[in-house]
Amino acid sequence: DDIPAVQQEVQKEIDAAEGKAWPMISVERYAFYERAKKAYCVIQTGERRFYGCFAFRKGVVPPDAE
């Protein structure tokens, strides 16, 4: 399968932030809508490309270990 450019760009940013490969998963269209309905926060951007909708889960960000 070809991965749309918008998804490749987001995957690159995720991997860079994690410092390793952290693959995204796909979610069925209507399941995505249900997740969005229950989301704490929804951010609408001006992105016009297809397949540019993403759901992110916020976790605990630990302090830097030095």
Protein backbone atom coordinates (compact mmCIF):
# COMPACT_ATOMS: atom_id res chain seq x y z
CA ASP A 1 0.00 0.00 0.00
CA ASP A 2 1.11 3.54 -0.72
CA ILE A 3 1.16 5.76 2.35
CA PRO A 4 -0.16 9.27 1.64
CA ALA A 5 2.43 12.07 1.91
CA VAL A 6 0.57 13.74 4.78
CA GLN A 7 0.79 10.53 6.82
CA GLN A 8 4.47 10.08 5.96
CA GLU A 9 5.15 13.62 7.20
CA VAL A 10 3.35 13.03 10.50
CA GLN A 11 5.08 9.66 10.97
CA LYS A 12 8.45 11.35 10.47
CA GLU A 13 7.63 13.90 13.21
CA ILE A 14 6.45 11.17 15.60
CA ASP A 15 9.60 9.13 15.04
CA ALA A 16 11.79 12.21 15.54
CA ALA A 17 10.01 13.10 18.79
CA GLU A 18 10.32 9.54 20.10
CA GLY A 19 13.88 9.05 18.88
CA LYS A 20 12.85 5.74 17.32
CA ALA A 21 10.30 4.27 14.96
CA TRP A 22 6.84 4.44 16.55
CA PRO A 23 4.44 3.27 13.83
CA MET A 24 0.93 4.68 13.61
CA ILE A 25 -2.06 2.39 13.31
CA SER A 26 -5.08 2.84 11.10
CA VAL A 27 -8.58 3.23 12.51
CA GLU A 28 -11.75 2.50 10.58
CA ARG A 29 -13.52 5.68 9.47
CA TYR A 30 -16.56 5.52 11.78
CA ALA A 31 -14.48 4.31 14.71
CA PHE A 32 -12.34 7.42 14.20
CA TYR A 33 -15.46 9.60 14.34
CA GLU A 34 -16.46 7.97 17.65
CA ARG A 35 -13.00 8.61 19.08
CA ALA A 36 -13.19 12.23 17.97
CA LYS A 37 -16.58 12.66 19.67
CA LYS A 38 -15.08 11.51 22.98
CA ALA A 39 -11.85 13.48 22.67
CA TYR A 40 -10.83 15.97 25.34
CA CYS A 41 -9.60 18.37 22.68
CA VAL A 42 -10.03 18.62 18.91
CA ILE A 43 -7.77 20.85 16.84
CA GLN A 44 -8.98 21.86 13.40
CA THR A 45 -6.28 22.93 10.97
CA GLY A 46 -6.31 24.22 7.43
CA GLU A 47 -4.99 20.89 6.10
CA ARG A 48 -6.83 20.13 2.87
CA ARG A 49 -5.16 16.88 1.83
CA PHE A 50 -7.05 13.60 2.11
CA TYR A 51 -6.15 11.29 5.01
CA GLY A 52 -4.87 14.21 7.08
CA CYS A 53 -6.95 13.44 10.19
CA PHE A 54 -5.06 12.09 13.19
CA ALA A 55 -5.90 11.11 16.76
CA PHE A 56 -3.16 11.41 19.35
CA ARG A 57 -3.24 10.12 22.91
CA LYS A 58 -1.58 12.30 25.51
CA GLY A 59 0.40 10.44 28.12
CA VAL A 60 2.64 11.39 30.99
CA VAL A 61 5.80 13.18 29.92
CA PRO A 62 8.56 12.34 32.42
CA PRO A 63 11.22 14.90 33.33
CA ASP A 64 14.54 14.58 31.55
CA ALA A 65 16.84 12.17 33.36
CA GLU A 66 20.29 13.67 33.75
